[in-house]
C-alpha atoms as a PDB file:
ATOM      1  CA  MET A   1       8.920  -2.397 -19.745  1.00  0.00           C
ATOM      2  CA  GLN A   2       6.858   0.784 -19.309  1.00  0.00           C
ATOM      3  CA  PHE A   3       3.332   0.788 -17.957  1.00  0.00           C
ATOM      4  CA  SER A   4       1.191   3.883 -17.625  1.00  0.00           C
ATOM      5  CA  ASP A   5      -1.469   4.382 -14.986  1.00  0.00           C
ATOM      6  CA  ARG A   6      -3.894   4.929 -17.832  1.00  0.00           C
ATOM      7  CA  TYR A   7      -3.707   1.311 -18.999  1.00  0.00           C
ATOM      8  CA  LEU A   8      -2.968  -0.360 -15.675  1.00  0.00           C
ATOM      9  CA  SER A   9      -6.536  -1.706 -15.340  1.00  0.00           C
ATOM     10  CA  VAL A  10      -6.184  -3.421 -18.720  1.00  0.00           C
ATOM     11  CA  TRP A  11      -2.909  -5.072 -17.751  1.00  0.00           C
ATOM     12  CA  VAL A  12      -4.356  -6.246 -14.437  1.00  0.00           C
ATOM     13  CA  PHE A  13      -7.423  -7.722 -16.164  1.00  0.00           C
ATOM     14  CA  LEU A  14      -5.205  -9.569 -18.647  1.00  0.00           C
ATOM     15  CA  ALA A  15      -3.017 -10.833 -15.776  1.00  0.00           C
ATOM     16  CA  MET A  16      -6.133 -12.207 -14.035  1.00  0.00           C
ATOM     17  CA  CYS A  17      -7.345 -14.016 -17.152  1.00  0.00           C
ATOM     18  CA  ILE A  18      -3.957 -15.370 -18.215  1.00  0.00           C
ATOM     19  CA  GLY A  19      -3.113 -16.408 -14.645  1.00  0.00           C
ATOM     20  CA  SER A  20      -6.357 -18.384 -14.257  1.00  0.00           C
ATOM     21  CA  LEU A  21      -5.966 -20.067 -17.648  1.00  0.00           C
ATOM     22  CA  SER A  22      -2.297 -20.896 -17.017  1.00  0.00           C
ATOM     23  CA  GLY A  23      -3.118 -22.428 -13.651  1.00  0.00           C
ATOM     24  CA  TYR A  24      -5.767 -24.592 -15.315  1.00  0.00           C
ATOM     25  CA  LEU A  25      -3.345 -25.738 -18.028  1.00  0.00           C
ATOM     26  CA  PHE A  26      -0.459 -26.378 -15.633  1.00  0.00           C
ATOM     27  CA  PRO A  27      -2.089 -27.609 -12.392  1.00  0.00           C
ATOM     28  CA  ASN A  28       1.028 -29.341 -11.062  1.00  0.00           C
ATOM     29  CA  LEU A  29       3.133 -26.201 -11.414  1.00  0.00           C
ATOM     30  CA  SER A  30       0.336 -24.151  -9.857  1.00  0.00           C
ATOM     31  CA  GLN A  31       0.173 -26.508  -6.883  1.00  0.00           C
ATOM     32  CA  PHE A  32       3.968 -26.485  -6.509  1.00  0.00           C
ATOM     33  CA  ILE A  33       4.235 -22.684  -6.496  1.00  0.00           C
ATOM     34  CA  GLY A  34       1.222 -22.424  -4.199  1.00  0.00           C
ATOM     35  CA  GLY A  35       2.994 -24.712  -1.739  1.00  0.00           C
ATOM     36  CA  LEU A  36       6.130 -22.559  -1.465  1.00  0.00           C
ATOM     37  CA  GLU A  37       5.152 -21.048   1.863  1.00  0.00           C
ATOM     38  CA  LEU A  38       6.771 -19.803   5.040  1.00  0.00           C
ATOM     39  CA  SER A  39       4.414 -19.243   7.979  1.00  0.00           C
ATOM     40  CA  ARG A  40       1.505 -19.617   5.500  1.00  0.00           C
ATOM     41  CA  ILE A  41       2.864 -16.735   3.404  1.00  0.00           C
ATOM     42  CA  ASN A  42       3.526 -17.648  -0.219  1.00  0.00           C
ATOM     43  CA  LEU A  43       7.174 -16.778  -0.831  1.00  0.00           C
ATOM     44  CA  PRO A  44       7.069 -16.008  -4.591  1.00  0.00           C
ATOM     45  CA  ILE A  45       4.121 -13.652  -4.047  1.00  0.00           C
ATOM     46  CA  ALA A  46       5.861 -12.155  -1.005  1.00  0.00           C
ATOM     47  CA  ILE A  47       8.951 -11.364  -3.083  1.00  0.00           C
ATOM     48  CA  LEU A  48       6.862  -9.632  -5.741  1.00  0.00           C
ATOM     49  CA  ILE A  49       4.922  -7.617  -3.152  1.00  0.00           C
ATOM     50  CA  TRP A  50       8.222  -6.699  -1.508  1.00  0.00           C
ATOM     51  CA  GLY A  51       9.373  -5.326  -4.856  1.00  0.00           C
ATOM     52  CA  MET A  52       6.315  -3.083  -4.905  1.00  0.00           C
ATOM     53  CA  ILE A  53       6.638  -1.985  -1.292  1.00  0.00           C
ATOM     54  CA  PHE A  54      10.309  -1.018  -1.231  1.00  0.00           C
ATOM     55  CA  PRO A  55      10.037   2.144  -3.379  1.00  0.00           C
ATOM     56  CA  MET A  56       7.377   3.466  -0.998  1.00  0.00           C
ATOM     57  CA  MET A  57       9.619   2.772   1.984  1.00  0.00           C
ATOM     58  CA  LEU A  58      12.429   4.581   0.224  1.00  0.00           C
ATOM     59  CA  SER A  59      10.226   7.635  -0.299  1.00  0.00           C
ATOM     60  CA  ILE A  60       9.399   8.044   3.399  1.00  0.00           C
ATOM     61  CA  ASP A  61      10.702  11.207   5.033  1.00  0.00           C
ATOM     62  CA  PHE A  62      11.538   9.798   8.447  1.00  0.00           C
ATOM     63  CA  LYS A  63      12.263  13.269   9.819  1.00  0.00           C
ATOM     64  CA  SER A  64       8.575  14.088   9.481  1.00  0.00           C
ATOM     65  CA  ILE A  65       7.675  11.520  12.149  1.00  0.00           C
ATOM     66  CA  ILE A  66       7.564  14.408  14.640  1.00  0.00           C
ATOM     67  CA  ASN A  67       4.481  15.663  12.784  1.00  0.00           C
ATOM     68  CA  LEU A  68       2.495  12.474  13.414  1.00  0.00           C
ATOM     69  CA  LYS A  69       0.812  14.137  16.393  1.00  0.00           C
ATOM     70  CA  TYR A  70      -1.081  16.279  13.879  1.00  0.00           C
ATOM     71  CA  LYS A  71      -2.459  13.127  12.232  1.00  0.00           C
ATOM     72  CA  ILE A  72      -4.078  11.603  15.317  1.00  0.00           C
ATOM     73  CA  LYS A  73      -7.573  12.214  13.936  1.00  0.00           C
ATOM     74  CA  GLY A  74      -6.723  10.253  10.799  1.00  0.00           C
ATOM     75  CA  PHE A  75      -5.370   7.320  12.805  1.00  0.00           C
ATOM     76  CA  SER A  76      -8.404   7.380  15.130  1.00  0.00           C
ATOM     77  CA  ILE A  77     -10.956   7.362  12.297  1.00  0.00           C
ATOM     78  CA  VAL A  78      -9.356   4.346  10.630  1.00  0.00           C
ATOM     79  CA  LEU A  79      -9.078   2.421  13.907  1.00  0.00           C
ATOM     80  CA  PHE A  80     -12.692   3.156  14.863  1.00  0.00           C
ATOM     81  CA  ILE A  81     -14.047   1.986  11.493  1.00  0.00           C
ATOM     82  CA  ASN A  82     -11.650  -0.992  11.215  1.00  0.00           C
ATOM     83  CA  TRP A  83     -12.396  -2.476  14.600  1.00  0.00           C
ATOM     84  CA  LEU A  84     -15.927  -1.338  15.527  1.00  0.00           C
ATOM     85  CA  ILE A  85     -17.806  -0.779  12.249  1.00  0.00           C
ATOM     86  CA  LYS A  86     -16.216  -3.083   9.679  1.00  0.00           C
ATOM     87  CA  PRO A  87     -16.573  -6.466  11.494  1.00  0.00           C
ATOM     88  CA  VAL A  88     -20.251  -5.846  12.258  1.00  0.00           C
ATOM     89  CA  SER A  89     -21.097  -4.522   8.792  1.00  0.00           C
ATOM     90  CA  MET A  90     -19.383  -7.524   7.178  1.00  0.00           C
ATOM     91  CA  ALA A  91     -21.384  -9.949   9.327  1.00  0.00           C
ATOM     92  CA  ILE A  92     -24.667  -8.169   8.533  1.00  0.00           C
ATOM     93  CA  ILE A  93     -24.028  -7.877   4.784  1.00  0.00           C
ATOM     94  CA  ALA A  94     -22.778 -11.473   4.486  1.00  0.00           C
ATOM     95  CA  ALA A  95     -25.734 -12.909   6.413  1.00  0.00           C
ATOM     96  CA  SER A  96     -28.232 -10.791   4.464  1.00  0.00           C
ATOM     97  CA  PHE A  97     -27.008 -12.074   1.126  1.00  0.00           C
ATOM     98  CA  LEU A  98     -26.150 -15.696   1.939  1.00  0.00           C
ATOM     99  CA  TYR A  99     -29.092 -16.504   4.244  1.00  0.00           C
ATOM    100  CA  PHE A 100     -31.856 -14.427   2.650  1.00  0.00           C
ATOM    101  CA  LEU A 101     -31.158 -13.173  -0.873  1.00  0.00           C
ATOM    102  CA  TYR A 102     -29.385 -16.421  -1.832  1.00  0.00           C
ATOM    103  CA  GLY A 103     -31.619 -18.630   0.303  1.00  0.00           C
ATOM    104  CA  ASN A 104     -32.808 -20.746  -2.630  1.00  0.00           C
ATOM    105  CA  LEU A 105     -29.472 -20.802  -4.472  1.00  0.00           C
ATOM    106  CA  ILE A 106     -26.988 -22.129  -1.898  1.00  0.00           C
ATOM    107  CA  ASP A 107     -27.263 -25.028   0.547  1.00  0.00           C
ATOM    108  CA  PRO A 108     -27.749 -23.636   4.110  1.00  0.00           C
ATOM    109  CA  VAL A 109     -24.757 -25.539   5.515  1.00  0.00           C
ATOM    110  CA  LEU A 110     -22.484 -24.249   2.755  1.00  0.00           C
ATOM    111  CA  ALA A 111     -23.937 -20.752   3.124  1.00  0.00           C
ATOM    112  CA  LYS A 112     -22.965 -20.773   6.802  1.00  0.00           C
ATOM    113  CA  GLU A 113     -19.387 -21.644   5.875  1.00  0.00           C
ATOM    114  CA  TYR A 114     -19.295 -18.858   3.297  1.00  0.00           C
ATOM    115  CA  VAL A 115     -20.519 -16.364   5.881  1.00  0.00           C
ATOM    116  CA  SER A 116     -17.845 -17.529   8.334  1.00  0.00           C
ATOM    117  CA  GLY A 117     -15.118 -16.999   5.745  1.00  0.00           C
ATOM    118  CA  MET A 118     -16.405 -13.540   4.897  1.00  0.00           C
ATOM    119  CA  ILE A 119     -16.505 -12.601   8.580  1.00  0.00           C
ATOM    120  CA  LEU A 120     -12.870 -13.711   8.925  1.00  0.00           C
ATOM    121  CA  LEU A 121     -12.015 -11.287   6.115  1.00  0.00           C
ATOM    122  CA  GLY A 122     -13.932  -8.511   7.856  1.00  0.00           C
ATOM    123  CA  ILE A 123     -12.049  -8.856  11.115  1.00  0.00           C
ATOM    124  CA  ALA A 124      -8.606  -9.035   9.511  1.00  0.00           C
ATOM    125  CA  PRO A 125      -7.831  -5.490   8.301  1.00  0.00           C
ATOM    126  CA  CYS A 126      -4.853  -4.430   6.189  1.00  0.00           C
ATOM    127  CA  THR A 127      -2.434  -6.342   4.064  1.00  0.00           C
ATOM    128  CA  ALA A 128       0.930  -5.653   2.505  1.00  0.00           C
ATOM    129  CA  MET A 129      -0.828  -4.637  -0.707  1.00  0.00           C
ATOM    130  CA  VAL A 130      -2.023  -1.489   1.106  1.00  0.00           C
ATOM    131  CA  PHE A 131       1.469  -0.042   0.638  1.00  0.00           C
ATOM    132  CA  VAL A 132       1.091  -0.491  -3.102  1.00  0.00           C
ATOM    133  CA  TRP A 133      -2.328   1.180  -3.287  1.00  0.00           C
ATOM    134  CA  SER A 134      -1.179   4.060  -1.102  1.00  0.00           C
ATOM    135  CA  ASN A 135       1.858   4.575  -3.297  1.00  0.00           C
ATOM    136  CA  LEU A 136      -0.217   4.539  -6.499  1.00  0.00           C
ATOM    137  CA  ALA A 137      -2.681   7.014  -4.989  1.00  0.00           C
ATOM    138  CA  LYS A 138       0.155   9.288  -3.775  1.00  0.00           C
ATOM    139  CA  GLY A 139      -0.810   8.960  -0.119  1.00  0.00           C
ATOM    140  CA  ASP A 140       1.415   9.825   2.814  1.00  0.00           C
ATOM    141  CA  PRO A 141       3.831   6.841   3.043  1.00  0.00           C
ATOM    142  CA  LEU A 142       4.717   7.458   6.697  1.00  0.00           C
ATOM    143  CA  PHE A 143       1.047   7.605   7.717  1.00  0.00           C
ATOM    144  CA  THR A 144       0.442   4.351   5.810  1.00  0.00           C
ATOM    145  CA  LEU A 145       3.367   2.638   7.491  1.00  0.00           C
ATOM    146  CA  ILE A 146       2.360   3.668  11.032  1.00  0.00           C
ATOM    147  CA  GLN A 147      -1.329   2.877  10.485  1.00  0.00           C
ATOM    148  CA  VAL A 148      -0.571  -0.630   9.195  1.00  0.00           C
ATOM    149  CA  ALA A 149       1.810  -1.252  12.114  1.00  0.00           C
ATOM    150  CA  ILE A 150      -0.830  -0.136  14.656  1.00  0.00           C
ATOM    151  CA  ASN A 151      -3.463  -2.368  13.046  1.00  0.00           C
ATOM    152  CA  ASP A 152      -1.096  -5.356  13.204  1.00  0.00           C
ATOM    153  CA  LEU A 153      -0.507  -4.808  16.912  1.00  0.00           C
ATOM    154  CA  ILE A 154      -4.234  -4.507  17.686  1.00  0.00           C
ATOM    155  CA  LEU A 155      -5.007  -7.517  15.504  1.00  0.00           C
ATOM    156  CA  ILE A 156      -3.093  -9.889  17.790  1.00  0.00           C
ATOM    157  CA  LEU A 157      -5.598  -9.295  20.592  1.00  0.00           C
ATOM    158  CA  ALA A 158      -8.719  -8.226  18.696  1.00  0.00           C
ATOM    159  CA  PHE A 159      -8.833 -10.990  16.078  1.00  0.00           C
ATOM    160  CA  PRO A 160      -9.432 -13.903  18.509  1.00  0.00           C
ATOM    161  CA  LEU A 161     -11.976 -11.845  20.482  1.00  0.00           C
ATOM    162  CA  LEU A 162     -13.970 -10.750  17.443  1.00  0.00           C
ATOM    163  CA  SER A 163     -13.780 -14.279  16.007  1.00  0.00           C
ATOM    164  CA  LYS A 164     -15.291 -15.638  19.189  1.00  0.00           C
ATOM    165  CA  ILE A 165     -18.067 -13.043  19.227  1.00  0.00           C
ATOM    166  CA  LEU A 166     -19.034 -13.148  15.547  1.00  0.00           C
ATOM    167  CA  LEU A 167     -18.360 -16.807  14.752  1.00  0.00           C
ATOM    168  CA  GLY A 168     -19.365 -18.295  18.071  1.00  0.00           C
ATOM    169  CA  PHE A 169     -16.223 -20.364  18.591  1.00  0.00           C
ATOM    170  CA  ASN A 170     -15.116 -20.924  22.165  1.00  0.00           C
ATOM    171  CA  SER A 171     -11.469 -20.511  21.285  1.00  0.00           C
ATOM    172  CA  ILE A 172      -9.527 -19.619  18.164  1.00  0.00           C
ATOM    173  CA  ASP A 173      -5.776 -19.930  17.976  1.00  0.00           C
ATOM    174  CA  ILE A 174      -4.577 -17.079  15.823  1.00  0.00           C
ATOM    175  CA  PRO A 175      -1.584 -18.143  13.674  1.00  0.00           C
ATOM    176  CA  LEU A 176       0.873 -15.663  15.143  1.00  0.00           C
ATOM    177  CA  ASP A 177       3.595 -16.892  12.810  1.00  0.00           C
ATOM    178  CA  THR A 178       1.551 -15.539   9.893  1.00  0.00           C
ATOM    179  CA  VAL A 179       1.094 -12.170  11.601  1.00  0.00           C
ATOM    180  CA  PHE A 180       4.708 -11.812  12.701  1.00  0.00           C
ATOM    181  CA  GLY A 181       5.976 -13.184   9.395  1.00  0.00           C
ATOM    182  CA  SER A 182       3.990 -10.559   7.489  1.00  0.00           C
ATOM    183  CA  VAL A 183       5.267  -7.783   9.757  1.00  0.00           C
ATOM    184  CA  ILE A 184       8.877  -8.891   9.295  1.00  0.00           C
ATOM    185  CA  ILE A 185       8.689  -9.521   5.538  1.00  0.00           C
ATOM    186  CA  PHE A 186       6.491  -6.622   4.499  1.00  0.00           C
ATOM    187  CA  ILE A 187       7.363  -3.918   7.036  1.00  0.00           C
ATOM    188  CA  LEU A 188      10.576  -4.386   8.993  1.00  0.00           C
ATOM    189  CA  VAL A 189      12.931  -5.716   6.309  1.00  0.00           C
ATOM    190  CA  PRO A 190      12.139  -3.138   3.576  1.00  0.00           C
ATOM    191  CA  LEU A 191      11.895  -0.378   6.190  1.00  0.00           C
ATOM    192  CA  PHE A 192      15.331  -0.994   7.716  1.00  0.00           C
ATOM    193  CA  LEU A 193      16.891  -1.483   4.285  1.00  0.00           C
ATOM    194  CA  ALA A 194      15.409   1.843   3.134  1.00  0.00           C
ATOM    195  CA  ILE A 195      16.749   3.608   6.241  1.00  0.00           C
ATOM    196  CA  PHE A 196      20.179   2.066   5.682  1.00  0.00           C
ATOM    197  CA  LEU A 197      20.323   3.102   2.023  1.00  0.00           C
ATOM    198  CA  LYS A 198      19.139   6.644   2.719  1.00  0.00           C
ATOM    199  CA  ASN A 199      21.498   7.274   5.614  1.00  0.00           C
ATOM    200  CA  LYS A 200      24.585   5.212   4.836  1.00  0.00           C
ATOM    201  CA  ILE A 201      24.990   4.657   1.097  1.00  0.00           C
ATOM    202  CA  TYR A 202      23.078   6.896  -1.301  1.00  0.00           C
ATOM    203  CA  SER A 203      22.854  10.670  -1.437  1.00  0.00           C
ATOM    204  CA  GLU A 204      19.460  12.397  -1.562  1.00  0.00           C
ATOM    205  CA  LYS A 205      19.977  13.096  -5.263  1.00  0.00           C
ATOM    206  CA  ARG A 206      20.680   9.431  -5.959  1.00  0.00           C
ATOM    207  CA  ILE A 207      17.585   8.366  -3.964  1.00  0.00           C
ATOM    208  CA  LYS A 208      15.382  10.688  -6.043  1.00  0.00           C
ATOM    209  CA  SER A 209      16.840   9.206  -9.218  1.00  0.00           C
ATOM    210  CA  ILE A 210      16.040   5.681  -8.010  1.00  0.00           C
ATOM    211  CA  LEU A 211      12.483   6.685  -7.089  1.00  0.00           C
ATOM    212  CA  ASN A 212      11.897   8.221 -10.524  1.00  0.00           C
ATOM    213  CA  LYS A 213      12.877   4.946 -12.165  1.00  0.00           C
ATOM    214  CA  SER A 214      11.087   2.694  -9.660  1.00  0.00           C
ATOM    215  CA  LYS A 215       7.488   3.497 -10.661  1.00  0.00           C
ATOM    216  CA  SER A 216       7.462   1.347 -13.785  1.00  0.00           C
ATOM    217  CA  TYR A 217       9.157  -1.494 -11.890  1.00  0.00           C
ATOM    218  CA  SER A 218       6.531  -1.301  -9.125  1.00  0.00           C
ATOM    219  CA  LEU A 219       3.719  -1.595 -11.661  1.00  0.00           C
ATOM    220  CA  PHE A 220       5.503  -4.500 -13.333  1.00  0.00           C
ATOM    221  CA  PHE A 221       5.720  -6.295  -9.964  1.00  0.00           C
ATOM    222  CA  LEU A 222       2.031  -5.521  -9.352  1.00  0.00           C
ATOM    223  CA  ILE A 223       0.981  -7.196 -12.595  1.00  0.00           C
ATOM    224  CA  LEU A 224       3.200 -10.216 -11.906  1.00  0.00           C
ATOM    225  CA  THR A 225       1.669 -10.481  -8.419  1.00  0.00           C
ATOM    226  CA  VAL A 226      -1.868 -10.463  -9.827  1.00  0.00           C
ATOM    227  CA  PHE A 227      -0.878 -13.107 -12.379  1.00  0.00           C
ATOM    228  CA  LEU A 228       0.625 -15.329  -9.675  1.00  0.00           C
ATOM    229  CA  LEU A 229      -2.349 -14.914  -7.308  1.00  0.00           C
ATOM    230  CA  PHE A 230      -4.748 -16.093  -9.986  1.00  0.00           C
ATOM    231  CA  PHE A 231      -2.316 -18.776 -11.147  1.00  0.00           C
ATOM    232  CA  VAL A 232      -2.113 -20.495  -7.748  1.00  0.00           C
ATOM    233  CA  GLN A 233      -5.867 -20.065  -7.056  1.00  0.00           C
ATOM    234  CA  SER A 234      -7.034 -21.116 -10.534  1.00  0.00           C
ATOM    235  CA  LYS A 235      -8.513 -24.422  -9.349  1.00  0.00           C
ATOM    236  CA  SER A 236     -10.849 -22.743  -6.862  1.00  0.00           C
ATOM    237  CA  ILE A 237     -11.775 -20.054  -9.382  1.00  0.00           C
ATOM    238  CA  LEU A 238     -12.683 -22.373 -12.245  1.00  0.00           C
ATOM    239  CA  GLN A 239     -14.403 -25.066 -10.167  1.00  0.00           C
ATOM    240  CA  ASN A 240     -16.867 -22.702  -8.472  1.00  0.00           C
ATOM    241  CA  PRO A 241     -17.608 -19.886 -10.947  1.00  0.00           C
ATOM    242  CA  ILE A 242     -21.233 -19.242  -9.920  1.00  0.00           C
ATOM    243  CA  HIS A 243     -20.593 -19.313  -6.177  1.00  0.00           C
ATOM    244  CA  ILE A 244     -17.555 -17.082  -6.615  1.00  0.00           C
ATOM    245  CA  ILE A 245     -19.737 -14.483  -8.325  1.00  0.00           C
ATOM    246  CA  LEU A 246     -22.387 -14.761  -5.594  1.00  0.00           C
ATOM    247  CA  ILE A 247     -19.793 -14.383  -2.815  1.00  0.00           C
ATOM    248  CA  SER A 248     -18.022 -11.506  -4.542  1.00  0.00           C
ATOM    249  CA  ILE A 249     -21.139  -9.276  -4.635  1.00  0.00           C
ATOM    250  CA  PRO A 250     -21.479  -8.757  -0.841  1.00  0.00           C
ATOM    251  CA  LEU A 251     -17.695  -8.489  -0.534  1.00  0.00           C
ATOM    252  CA  ILE A 252     -17.655  -5.682  -3.100  1.00  0.00           C
ATOM    253  CA  ILE A 253     -20.535  -3.910  -1.355  1.00  0.00           C
ATOM    254  CA  GLN A 254     -18.744  -4.194   1.996  1.00  0.00           C
ATOM    255  CA  THR A 255     -15.494  -2.827   0.590  1.00  0.00           C
ATOM    256  CA  LEU A 256     -17.185   0.133  -1.105  1.00  0.00           C
ATOM    257  CA  PHE A 257     -19.239   0.898   2.004  1.00  0.00           C
ATOM    258  CA  ILE A 258     -16.181   0.981   4.274  1.00  0.00           C
ATOM    259  CA  PHE A 259     -14.131   3.003   1.782  1.00  0.00           C
ATOM    260  CA  TYR A 260     -16.756   5.707   1.310  1.00  0.00           C
ATOM    261  CA  LEU A 261     -17.667   5.783   5.007  1.00  0.00           C
ATOM    262  CA  THR A 262     -14.015   6.373   5.889  1.00  0.00           C
ATOM    263  CA  ALA A 263     -13.511   8.933   3.126  1.00  0.00           C
ATOM    264  CA  PHE A 264     -16.523  11.030   4.159  1.00  0.00           C
ATOM    265  CA  SER A 265     -15.574  10.713   7.837  1.00  0.00           C
ATOM    266  CA  MET A 266     -12.093  11.981   7.001  1.00  0.00           C
ATOM    267  CA  LYS A 267     -13.589  14.881   5.063  1.00  0.00           C
ATOM    268  CA  PHE A 268     -15.930  15.744   7.950  1.00  0.00           C
ATOM    269  CA  PHE A 269     -12.902  16.023  10.244  1.00  0.00           C
ATOM    270  CA  ARG A 270     -10.995  18.077   7.635  1.00  0.00           C
ATOM    271  CA  GLN A 271      -8.249  15.557   6.915  1.00  0.00           C
ATOM    272  CA  LYS A 272      -6.147  16.219   3.810  1.00  0.00           C
ATOM    273  CA  TYR A 273      -5.943  13.869   0.839  1.00  0.00           C
ATOM    274  CA  SER A 274      -2.500  12.522   1.791  1.00  0.00           C
ATOM    275  CA  ILE A 275      -4.067  11.136   4.991  1.00  0.00           C
ATOM    276  CA  SER A 276      -7.703  10.530   4.075  1.00  0.00           C
ATOM    277  CA  CYS A 277      -6.965   8.607   0.863  1.00  0.00           C
ATOM    278  CA  PRO A 278      -4.576   5.978   2.294  1.00  0.00           C
ATOM    279  CA  GLY A 279      -6.709   5.874   5.449  1.00  0.00           C
ATOM    280  CA  SER A 280      -9.793   4.977   3.398  1.00  0.00           C
ATOM    281  CA  ILE A 281      -7.874   2.345   1.450  1.00  0.00           C
ATOM    282  CA  ILE A 282      -6.441   0.821   4.631  1.00  0.00           C
ATOM    283  CA  ALA A 283      -9.883   0.675   6.244  1.00  0.00           C
ATOM    284  CA  ALA A 284     -11.379  -1.067   3.205  1.00  0.00           C
ATOM    285  CA  SER A 285      -8.612  -3.630   2.669  1.00  0.00           C
ATOM    286  CA  ASN A 286      -8.206  -7.062   4.262  1.00  0.00           C
ATOM    287  CA  PHE A 287      -5.338  -9.134   5.655  1.00  0.00           C
ATOM    288  CA  PHE A 288      -6.309 -11.978   3.327  1.00  0.00           C
ATOM    289  CA  GLU A 289      -3.239 -14.111   4.140  1.00  0.00           C
ATOM    290  CA  LEU A 290      -4.407 -14.356   7.750  1.00  0.00           C
ATOM    291  CA  ALA A 291      -8.063 -14.923   6.848  1.00  0.00           C
ATOM    292  CA  VAL A 292      -7.160 -17.743   4.458  1.00  0.00           C
ATOM    293  CA  ALA A 293      -4.852 -19.375   7.030  1.00  0.00           C
ATOM    294  CA  VAL A 294      -7.447 -19.283   9.833  1.00  0.00           C
ATOM    295  CA  SER A 295     -10.299 -20.492   7.610  1.00  0.00           C
ATOM    296  CA  ILE A 296      -8.243 -23.502   6.503  1.00  0.00           C
ATOM    297  CA  THR A 297      -7.283 -24.254  10.110  1.00  0.00           C
ATOM    298  CA  LEU A 298     -10.869 -24.043  11.394  1.00  0.00           C
ATOM    299  CA  PHE A 299     -12.869 -25.460   8.495  1.00  0.00           C
ATOM    300  CA  GLY A 300     -10.423 -27.274   6.199  1.00  0.00           C
ATOM    301  CA  ILE A 301      -8.812 -26.462   2.876  1.00  0.00           C
ATOM    302  CA  ASN A 302     -11.826 -27.585   0.817  1.00  0.00           C
ATOM    303  CA  SER A 303     -14.413 -25.787   2.942  1.00  0.00           C
ATOM    304  CA  GLY A 304     -16.765 -23.015   1.928  1.00  0.00           C
ATOM    305  CA  ALA A 305     -15.082 -20.700   4.424  1.00  0.00           C
ATOM    306  CA  ALA A 306     -11.710 -21.180   2.762  1.00  0.00           C
ATOM    307  CA  LEU A 307     -13.242 -20.503  -0.657  1.00  0.00           C
ATOM    308  CA  ALA A 308     -14.871 -17.287   0.615  1.00  0.00           C
ATOM    309  CA  THR A 309     -11.539 -15.955   1.879  1.00  0.00           C
ATOM    310  CA  ILE A 310      -9.909 -16.826  -1.451  1.00  0.00           C
ATOM    311  CA  VAL A 311     -12.645 -14.881  -3.246  1.00  0.00           C
ATOM    312  CA  GLY A 312     -11.660 -11.995  -0.989  1.00  0.00           C
ATOM    313  CA  VAL A 313      -8.184 -12.125  -2.520  1.00  0.00           C
ATOM    314  CA  LEU A 314      -9.572 -12.155  -6.046  1.00  0.00           C
ATOM    315  CA  VAL A 315     -11.992  -9.278  -5.442  1.00  0.00           C
ATOM    316  CA  GLU A 316      -9.573  -7.033  -3.582  1.00  0.00           C
ATOM    317  CA  VAL A 317      -6.946  -6.468  -6.276  1.00  0.00           C
ATOM    318  CA  PRO A 318      -9.142  -5.092  -9.094  1.00  0.00           C
ATOM    319  CA  LEU A 319     -11.448  -3.310  -6.637  1.00  0.00           C
ATOM    320  CA  MET A 320      -8.602  -1.515  -4.879  1.00  0.00           C
ATOM    321  CA  LEU A 321      -7.179  -0.500  -8.228  1.00  0.00           C
ATOM    322  CA  TYR A 322     -10.564   1.008  -9.054  1.00  0.00           C
ATOM    323  CA  LEU A 323     -10.655   2.865  -5.717  1.00  0.00           C
ATOM    324  CA  VAL A 324      -7.159   4.233  -6.324  1.00  0.00           C
ATOM    325  CA  ASN A 325      -8.344   5.690  -9.634  1.00  0.00           C
ATOM    326  CA  ILE A 326     -11.468   7.108  -7.973  1.00  0.00           C
ATOM    327  CA  SER A 327      -9.348   8.676  -5.233  1.00  0.00           C
ATOM    328  CA  LYS A 328      -7.004  10.395  -7.656  1.00  0.00           C
ATOM    329  CA  SER A 329      -9.797  11.889  -9.757  1.00  0.00           C
ATOM    330  CA  SER A 330     -12.515  12.639  -7.193  1.00  0.00           C
ATOM    331  CA  LYS A 331     -13.162  16.261  -6.251  1.00  0.00           C
ATOM    332  CA  ILE A 332     -15.961  15.378  -3.831  1.00  0.00           C
ATOM    333  CA  LEU A 333     -14.497  12.671  -1.582  1.00  0.00           C
ATOM    334  CA  PHE A 334     -11.272  14.306  -0.482  1.00  0.00           C
ATOM    335  CA  ILE A 335      -9.811  17.650   0.481  1.00  0.00           C
ATOM    336  CA  LYS A 336      -6.975  17.985  -2.014  1.00  0.00           C
END
């Protein structure tokens, strides 16, 4: 089945609508598939994301790793914005909307839970989907891989500290199984398999042939992933339509703010598109699996915090697709 970039937004929108409706019509199946987890990572969704990630891993030129020293500025910009700017901006934007602008629309206790969930999203950068967006935007795959790996390492120490500071909890036990599980499933396994195929089995010509055919398959997996995300979250989506819209507005503003801040920072420091584009996407994205897991652990599965992190999942997919299209066409944001 062939999908063009030109109509990808349409297919994603249809997948969102059909997934939500299907989950409503088949709640037992939705609950069953949603419960197929390992270390709080949904296995069917993980398999589909893996199918999207692998072509990018296969396209990495591992010999170019010696040139990473010339990309230190790009790494530094993303890390600075991810860990010093993004958590604070998310807390400020969330509080401004939920406590003040929505003061008469949402119960104060529930608003506090929503803010907590949004903060958890803000302090959990990167997700496996970043590999997909970087690949669609034609970013540097090796830069994307290393940047995500660095963020995952920092996250282990920074997430509990930032949670304590911004949420006021005395202690938060980060679900390390979720972090390590994501690293293994979404980075190590496809990475080592790609290295093995490139060095032991297939010739360079054969690899190029596979990559040429893999684009349509990657987009097919993307659409299936969107469908499944909305299928398993349909209950939360359809039960809280107004609050979901209210929560999504500050989340969209936060994502756009971080993306454009990173993009213009990259341009100021003369970083090329292959670095600045995936760097901006990485900075703007969230490790929603971790945020959802922690919110459920701290507040409960039916809490406002859990719902806010789920809205983060729903907002991120179409918004990142939009930012990919902006990145590819913009002549102002990036140095091509």
